[in-house]
Amino acid sequence: MNYYLEAFRKYATFSGRARRKEYWMFTLFHLIATIAVTVVDWVLWSPDSWLALLYFLGTIVPALAVGVRRLHDTGRTGWWYLIALVPLVGAIVLLVFTCLDGDPHLNKWGSNPKHDELGGGYDAPYPGQYPIAGQPGAYGQQPGQYPAPGQYPAPGQYPAPDASPYGQQPGQYPAPGQPGPYGQQPGQPGPYGQQPGPYGQPPQN
């Protein structure tokens, strides 16, 4: 019902985007209301009553507007609505367009309304982007987790175990550029005067 009322709040708004749920929920309640008004027209008044006609005239603009916004959501201009004027085939093509999922990315008519309703206001990431609000990123990482699992470095690790050039675990000797276990700096002798091994291994006794 909220989507039906939303169409009237955007009475003549032909800009922006409308997701499938918004369009089809409006269409459903619009159909129910049309049937109800027609029945009331017939029962309480007469077949010549103007009640159904007045309802049709009052809703034609928001119905067209939400249809145009639905086409925008699929990345198509609202002028595609005119294809409905083509006998038979045009109505089928327009039906297919309104059933398609919307463009997950930002397009020239605005951001993805599906993600806006989730409260994030973000668009779906292209491959490699990180990530929309509340959803895993392109590589499976959860919100707040950076970088993707297995990438260098993992949170709180330096370096990541599977990404370290020397294979050392966090806290092991030494991370590149950090002191060794005896306090010596990289390139300095060990506690007994021995030179550090290549690649920063502990000094040999």
C-alpha atoms as a PDB file:
ATOM      1  CA  MET A   1       0.000   0.000   0.000  1.00  0.00           C
ATOM      2  CA  ASN A   2       2.900   2.335   0.734  1.00  0.00           C
ATOM      3  CA  TYR A   3       4.128   2.018  -2.843  1.00  0.00           C
ATOM      4  CA  TYR A   4       0.665   2.941  -4.106  1.00  0.00           C
ATOM      5  CA  LEU A   5       0.632   6.064  -1.964  1.00  0.00           C
ATOM      6  CA  GLU A   6       4.240   6.843  -2.887  1.00  0.00           C
ATOM      7  CA  ALA A   7       3.192   7.137  -6.526  1.00  0.00           C
ATOM      8  CA  PHE A   8       0.749   9.885  -5.554  1.00  0.00           C
ATOM      9  CA  ARG A   9       3.396  11.655  -3.477  1.00  0.00           C
ATOM     10  CA  LYS A  10       5.481  11.675  -6.664  1.00  0.00           C
ATOM     11  CA  TYR A  11       2.398  12.573  -8.668  1.00  0.00           C
ATOM     12  CA  ALA A  12       4.089  14.035 -11.752  1.00  0.00           C
ATOM     13  CA  THR A  13       7.698  13.070 -11.053  1.00  0.00           C
ATOM     14  CA  PHE A  14       9.068  11.639 -14.271  1.00  0.00           C
ATOM     15  CA  SER A  15      12.704  11.832 -13.156  1.00  0.00           C
ATOM     16  CA  GLY A  16      14.480   9.286 -10.988  1.00  0.00           C
ATOM     17  CA  ARG A  17      14.093   5.540 -10.781  1.00  0.00           C
ATOM     18  CA  ALA A  18      11.508   3.040  -9.522  1.00  0.00           C
ATOM     19  CA  ARG A  19      12.396  -0.526  -8.615  1.00  0.00           C
ATOM     20  CA  ARG A  20      10.264  -3.478  -9.738  1.00  0.00           C
ATOM     21  CA  LYS A  21       8.565  -3.817  -6.371  1.00  0.00           C
ATOM     22  CA  GLU A  22       7.470  -0.188  -6.395  1.00  0.00           C
ATOM     23  CA  TYR A  23       6.057  -0.435  -9.914  1.00  0.00           C
ATOM     24  CA  TRP A  24       4.243  -3.745  -9.533  1.00  0.00           C
ATOM     25  CA  MET A  25       2.835  -3.001  -6.078  1.00  0.00           C
ATOM     26  CA  PHE A  26       1.411   0.243  -7.451  1.00  0.00           C
ATOM     27  CA  THR A  27       0.008  -1.646 -10.460  1.00  0.00           C
ATOM     28  CA  LEU A  28      -1.618  -4.252  -8.190  1.00  0.00           C
ATOM     29  CA  PHE A  29      -3.344  -1.732  -5.910  1.00  0.00           C
ATOM     30  CA  HIS A  30      -4.254   0.441  -8.882  1.00  0.00           C
ATOM     31  CA  LEU A  31      -5.987  -2.548 -10.494  1.00  0.00           C
ATOM     32  CA  ILE A  32      -7.800  -3.408  -7.247  1.00  0.00           C
ATOM     33  CA  ALA A  33      -8.925   0.205  -6.833  1.00  0.00           C
ATOM     34  CA  THR A  34     -10.122   0.373 -10.452  1.00  0.00           C
ATOM     35  CA  ILE A  35     -12.221  -2.759 -10.011  1.00  0.00           C
ATOM     36  CA  ALA A  36     -13.621  -1.518  -6.706  1.00  0.00           C
ATOM     37  CA  VAL A  37     -14.539   1.895  -8.122  1.00  0.00           C
ATOM     38  CA  THR A  38     -16.176   0.287 -11.148  1.00  0.00           C
ATOM     39  CA  VAL A  39     -18.244  -2.040  -8.944  1.00  0.00           C
ATOM     40  CA  VAL A  40     -19.308   0.822  -6.694  1.00  0.00           C
ATOM     41  CA  ASP A  41     -20.103   2.838  -9.788  1.00  0.00           C
ATOM     42  CA  TRP A  42     -22.324   0.069 -11.096  1.00  0.00           C
ATOM     43  CA  VAL A  43     -24.060  -0.898  -7.847  1.00  0.00           C
ATOM     44  CA  LEU A  44     -24.650   2.431  -6.135  1.00  0.00           C
ATOM     45  CA  TRP A  45     -25.136   4.626  -9.136  1.00  0.00           C
ATOM     46  CA  SER A  46     -25.582   3.493 -12.686  1.00  0.00           C
ATOM     47  CA  PRO A  47     -23.554   2.280 -15.644  1.00  0.00           C
ATOM     48  CA  ASP A  48     -23.443   5.861 -16.845  1.00  0.00           C
ATOM     49  CA  SER A  49     -21.820   7.164 -13.641  1.00  0.00           C
ATOM     50  CA  TRP A  50     -18.625   9.186 -13.924  1.00  0.00           C
ATOM     51  CA  LEU A  51     -16.948   7.859 -10.761  1.00  0.00           C
ATOM     52  CA  ALA A  52     -14.703   5.339 -12.559  1.00  0.00           C
ATOM     53  CA  LEU A  53     -13.828   7.901 -15.216  1.00  0.00           C
ATOM     54  CA  LEU A  54     -12.852  10.456 -12.568  1.00  0.00           C
ATOM     55  CA  TYR A  55     -10.625   7.877 -10.852  1.00  0.00           C
ATOM     56  CA  PHE A  56      -8.969   7.046 -14.170  1.00  0.00           C
ATOM     57  CA  LEU A  57      -8.307  10.723 -14.928  1.00  0.00           C
ATOM     58  CA  GLY A  58      -6.915  11.265 -11.427  1.00  0.00           C
ATOM     59  CA  THR A  59      -4.469   8.370 -11.626  1.00  0.00           C
ATOM     60  CA  ILE A  60      -3.271   8.456 -15.230  1.00  0.00           C
ATOM     61  CA  VAL A  61      -0.413  10.886 -14.474  1.00  0.00           C
ATOM     62  CA  PRO A  62       1.115   8.997 -11.496  1.00  0.00           C
ATOM     63  CA  ALA A  63       0.656   5.714 -13.391  1.00  0.00           C
ATOM     64  CA  LEU A  64       2.610   7.075 -16.349  1.00  0.00           C
ATOM     65  CA  ALA A  65       5.227   8.616 -14.052  1.00  0.00           C
ATOM     66  CA  VAL A  66       5.958   5.404 -12.153  1.00  0.00           C
ATOM     67  CA  GLY A  67       6.151   3.553 -15.485  1.00  0.00           C
ATOM     68  CA  VAL A  68       8.717   6.014 -16.808  1.00  0.00           C
ATOM     69  CA  ARG A  69      10.750   5.739 -13.606  1.00  0.00           C
ATOM     70  CA  ARG A  70      10.641   1.930 -13.939  1.00  0.00           C
ATOM     71  CA  LEU A  71      12.130   2.220 -17.436  1.00  0.00           C
ATOM     72  CA  HIS A  72      14.809   4.546 -16.052  1.00  0.00           C
ATOM     73  CA  ASP A  73      15.683   1.880 -13.493  1.00  0.00           C
ATOM     74  CA  THR A  74      16.434  -0.564 -16.312  1.00  0.00           C
ATOM     75  CA  GLY A  75      18.653   2.009 -18.015  1.00  0.00           C
ATOM     76  CA  ARG A  76      16.112   2.998 -20.694  1.00  0.00           C
ATOM     77  CA  THR A  77      14.673   6.386 -21.511  1.00  0.00           C
ATOM     78  CA  GLY A  78      11.022   7.006 -20.705  1.00  0.00           C
ATOM     79  CA  TRP A  79      10.264   7.420 -24.410  1.00  0.00           C
ATOM     80  CA  TRP A  80      10.246   3.629 -24.592  1.00  0.00           C
ATOM     81  CA  TYR A  81       6.812   3.867 -22.986  1.00  0.00           C
ATOM     82  CA  LEU A  82       5.450   4.870 -26.391  1.00  0.00           C
ATOM     83  CA  ILE A  83       6.201   1.392 -27.703  1.00  0.00           C
ATOM     84  CA  ALA A  84       2.922   0.381 -26.053  1.00  0.00           C
ATOM     85  CA  LEU A  85       1.181   2.139 -28.947  1.00  0.00           C
ATOM     86  CA  VAL A  86       2.391  -0.594 -31.302  1.00  0.00           C
ATOM     87  CA  PRO A  87      -0.467  -3.112 -31.496  1.00  0.00           C
ATOM     88  CA  LEU A  88       0.073  -6.304 -29.489  1.00  0.00           C
ATOM     89  CA  VAL A  89       3.873  -6.471 -29.790  1.00  0.00           C
ATOM     90  CA  GLY A  90       4.401  -3.108 -28.096  1.00  0.00           C
ATOM     91  CA  ALA A  91       2.514  -4.110 -24.947  1.00  0.00           C
ATOM     92  CA  ILE A  92       4.499  -7.352 -24.704  1.00  0.00           C
ATOM     93  CA  VAL A  93       7.828  -5.540 -25.063  1.00  0.00           C
ATOM     94  CA  LEU A  94       6.846  -2.986 -22.423  1.00  0.00           C
ATOM     95  CA  LEU A  95       5.777  -5.791 -20.074  1.00  0.00           C
ATOM     96  CA  VAL A  96       9.173  -7.454 -20.473  1.00  0.00           C
ATOM     97  CA  PHE A  97      10.975  -4.174 -19.774  1.00  0.00           C
ATOM     98  CA  THR A  98       9.012  -3.592 -16.563  1.00  0.00           C
ATOM     99  CA  CYS A  99       9.796  -7.133 -15.386  1.00  0.00           C
ATOM    100  CA  LEU A 100      13.562  -6.755 -15.802  1.00  0.00           C
ATOM    101  CA  ASP A 101      15.786  -6.186 -12.819  1.00  0.00           C
ATOM    102  CA  GLY A 102      17.096  -2.660 -12.444  1.00  0.00           C
ATOM    103  CA  ASP A 103      20.585  -1.478 -13.239  1.00  0.00           C
ATOM    104  CA  PRO A 104      22.594  -2.295 -10.063  1.00  0.00           C
ATOM    105  CA  HIS A 105      24.888   0.671 -10.651  1.00  0.00           C
ATOM    106  CA  LEU A 106      24.439   4.405 -10.649  1.00  0.00           C
ATOM    107  CA  ASN A 107      23.013   5.544 -13.977  1.00  0.00           C
ATOM    108  CA  LYS A 108      22.093   8.946 -15.399  1.00  0.00           C
ATOM    109  CA  TRP A 109      18.672   8.844 -13.714  1.00  0.00           C
ATOM    110  CA  GLY A 110      20.026   8.272 -10.218  1.00  0.00           C
ATOM    111  CA  SER A 111      21.266   5.672  -7.770  1.00  0.00           C
ATOM    112  CA  ASN A 112      19.904   2.177  -7.350  1.00  0.00           C
ATOM    113  CA  PRO A 113      16.587   2.562  -5.428  1.00  0.00           C
ATOM    114  CA  LYS A 114      16.856  -0.978  -4.087  1.00  0.00           C
ATOM    115  CA  HIS A 115      20.027  -0.112  -2.179  1.00  0.00           C
ATOM    116  CA  ASP A 116      18.642   3.266  -1.136  1.00  0.00           C
ATOM    117  CA  GLU A 117      15.773   1.474   0.604  1.00  0.00           C
ATOM    118  CA  LEU A 118      18.286  -0.640   2.525  1.00  0.00           C
ATOM    119  CA  GLY A 119      19.506   2.582   4.101  1.00  0.00           C
ATOM    120  CA  GLY A 120      22.975   2.600   2.612  1.00  0.00           C
ATOM    121  CA  GLY A 121      22.440   4.794  -0.395  1.00  0.00           C
ATOM    122  CA  TYR A 122      25.241   2.912  -2.094  1.00  0.00           C
ATOM    123  CA  ASP A 123      25.337   1.249  -5.476  1.00  0.00           C
ATOM    124  CA  ALA A 124      26.393  -2.293  -6.150  1.00  0.00           C
ATOM    125  CA  PRO A 125      30.142  -2.465  -6.628  1.00  0.00           C
ATOM    126  CA  TYR A 126      31.697  -3.242  -9.927  1.00  0.00           C
ATOM    127  CA  PRO A 127      34.028  -6.240  -9.677  1.00  0.00           C
ATOM    128  CA  GLY A 128      36.866  -5.274  -7.366  1.00  0.00           C
ATOM    129  CA  GLN A 129      34.969  -2.538  -5.567  1.00  0.00           C
ATOM    130  CA  TYR A 130      34.373  -2.802  -1.839  1.00  0.00           C
ATOM    131  CA  PRO A 131      31.391  -3.294  -0.803  1.00  0.00           C
ATOM    132  CA  ILE A 132      27.812  -1.948  -0.536  1.00  0.00           C
ATOM    133  CA  ALA A 133      26.420  -1.324   2.933  1.00  0.00           C
ATOM    134  CA  GLY A 134      25.702  -4.465   4.926  1.00  0.00           C
ATOM    135  CA  GLN A 135      26.759  -6.877   2.193  1.00  0.00           C
ATOM    136  CA  PRO A 136      29.972  -8.781   1.501  1.00  0.00           C
ATOM    137  CA  GLY A 137      32.440  -7.286  -0.893  1.00  0.00           C
ATOM    138  CA  ALA A 138      33.389  -8.575  -4.298  1.00  0.00           C
ATOM    139  CA  TYR A 139      35.831 -11.067  -2.744  1.00  0.00           C
ATOM    140  CA  GLY A 140      33.610 -12.230   0.129  1.00  0.00           C
ATOM    141  CA  GLN A 141      34.898  -9.882   2.828  1.00  0.00           C
ATOM    142  CA  GLN A 142      32.457  -8.658   5.425  1.00  0.00           C
ATOM    143  CA  PRO A 143      31.788  -4.947   6.167  1.00  0.00           C
ATOM    144  CA  GLY A 144      34.657  -3.472   8.149  1.00  0.00           C
ATOM    145  CA  GLN A 145      37.022  -6.192   7.036  1.00  0.00           C
ATOM    146  CA  TYR A 146      39.852  -5.000   4.846  1.00  0.00           C
ATOM    147  CA  PRO A 147      41.281  -6.348   2.690  1.00  0.00           C
ATOM    148  CA  ALA A 148      39.673  -9.421   1.199  1.00  0.00           C
ATOM    149  CA  PRO A 149      40.535 -12.656   3.013  1.00  0.00           C
ATOM    150  CA  GLY A 150      43.918 -13.941   1.948  1.00  0.00           C
ATOM    151  CA  GLN A 151      45.049 -10.596   0.632  1.00  0.00           C
ATOM    152  CA  TYR A 152      47.996  -8.704   2.069  1.00  0.00           C
ATOM    153  CA  PRO A 153      47.823  -7.844   4.888  1.00  0.00           C
ATOM    154  CA  ALA A 154      44.928  -9.407   6.790  1.00  0.00           C
ATOM    155  CA  PRO A 155      43.433  -7.320   9.636  1.00  0.00           C
ATOM    156  CA  GLY A 156      45.829  -7.138  12.604  1.00  0.00           C
ATOM    157  CA  GLN A 157      48.476  -9.163  10.860  1.00  0.00           C
ATOM    158  CA  TYR A 158      51.792  -8.003   9.529  1.00  0.00           C
ATOM    159  CA  PRO A 159      52.454  -9.548   7.222  1.00  0.00           C
ATOM    160  CA  ALA A 160      49.682 -11.961   6.275  1.00  0.00           C
ATOM    161  CA  PRO A 161      50.907 -15.569   6.717  1.00  0.00           C
ATOM    162  CA  ASP A 162      50.281 -16.585   3.140  1.00  0.00           C
ATOM    163  CA  ALA A 163      51.433 -13.278   1.667  1.00  0.00           C
ATOM    164  CA  SER A 164      54.703 -12.693   3.568  1.00  0.00           C
ATOM    165  CA  PRO A 165      57.734 -12.842   1.299  1.00  0.00           C
ATOM    166  CA  TYR A 166      59.507 -15.019   3.909  1.00  0.00           C
ATOM    167  CA  GLY A 167      56.526 -17.041   5.179  1.00  0.00           C
ATOM    168  CA  GLN A 168      56.841 -15.860   8.794  1.00  0.00           C
ATOM    169  CA  GLN A 169      53.839 -15.711  11.095  1.00  0.00           C
ATOM    170  CA  PRO A 170      52.766 -12.523  12.907  1.00  0.00           C
ATOM    171  CA  GLY A 171      55.294 -11.734  15.642  1.00  0.00           C
ATOM    172  CA  GLN A 172      57.942 -13.995  14.195  1.00  0.00           C
ATOM    173  CA  TYR A 173      61.359 -12.715  13.273  1.00  0.00           C
ATOM    174  CA  PRO A 174      61.375 -10.421  11.556  1.00  0.00           C
ATOM    175  CA  ALA A 175      58.805  -8.522   9.644  1.00  0.00           C
ATOM    176  CA  PRO A 176      60.611  -6.486   6.987  1.00  0.00           C
ATOM    177  CA  GLY A 177      62.026  -3.321   8.511  1.00  0.00           C
ATOM    178  CA  GLN A 178      61.333  -4.375  12.151  1.00  0.00           C
ATOM    179  CA  PRO A 179      63.880  -5.270  14.885  1.00  0.00           C
ATOM    180  CA  GLY A 180      64.904  -8.898  15.397  1.00  0.00           C
ATOM    181  CA  PRO A 181      64.227 -10.934  18.592  1.00  0.00           C
ATOM    182  CA  TYR A 182      67.450  -9.684  20.188  1.00  0.00           C
ATOM    183  CA  GLY A 183      66.781  -6.035  19.481  1.00  0.00           C
ATOM    184  CA  GLN A 184      69.160  -5.793  16.565  1.00  0.00           C
ATOM    185  CA  GLN A 185      68.112  -3.706  13.664  1.00  0.00           C
ATOM    186  CA  PRO A 186      68.006  -5.188  10.169  1.00  0.00           C
ATOM    187  CA  GLY A 187      71.553  -5.486   8.857  1.00  0.00           C
ATOM    188  CA  GLN A 188      73.197  -5.258  12.337  1.00  0.00           C
ATOM    189  CA  PRO A 189      75.219  -8.072  13.990  1.00  0.00           C
ATOM    190  CA  GLY A 190      73.646 -10.497  16.464  1.00  0.00           C
ATOM    191  CA  PRO A 191      74.401 -10.465  20.212  1.00  0.00           C
ATOM    192  CA  TYR A 192      77.600 -12.461  19.719  1.00  0.00           C
ATOM    193  CA  GLY A 193      78.888 -10.486  16.775  1.00  0.00           C
ATOM    194  CA  GLN A 194      77.617 -12.841  14.109  1.00  0.00           C
ATOM    195  CA  GLN A 195      76.123 -11.326  11.018  1.00  0.00           C
ATOM    196  CA  PRO A 196      72.417 -11.768  10.255  1.00  0.00           C
ATOM    197  CA  GLY A 197      71.591 -14.359   7.650  1.00  0.00           C
ATOM    198  CA  PRO A 198      70.087 -13.449   4.332  1.00  0.00           C
ATOM    199  CA  TYR A 199      66.468 -12.329   4.317  1.00  0.00           C
ATOM    200  CA  GLY A 200      66.499 -11.534   8.018  1.00  0.00           C
ATOM    201  CA  GLN A 201      66.858 -15.025   9.547  1.00  0.00           C
ATOM    202  CA  PRO A 202      68.036 -15.120  13.198  1.00  0.00           C
ATOM    203  CA  PRO A 203      71.826 -14.865  13.595  1.00  0.00           C
ATOM    204  CA  GLN A 204      73.694 -18.150  13.433  1.00  0.00           C
ATOM    205  CA  ASN A 205      75.705 -19.206  16.515  1.00  0.00           C
END
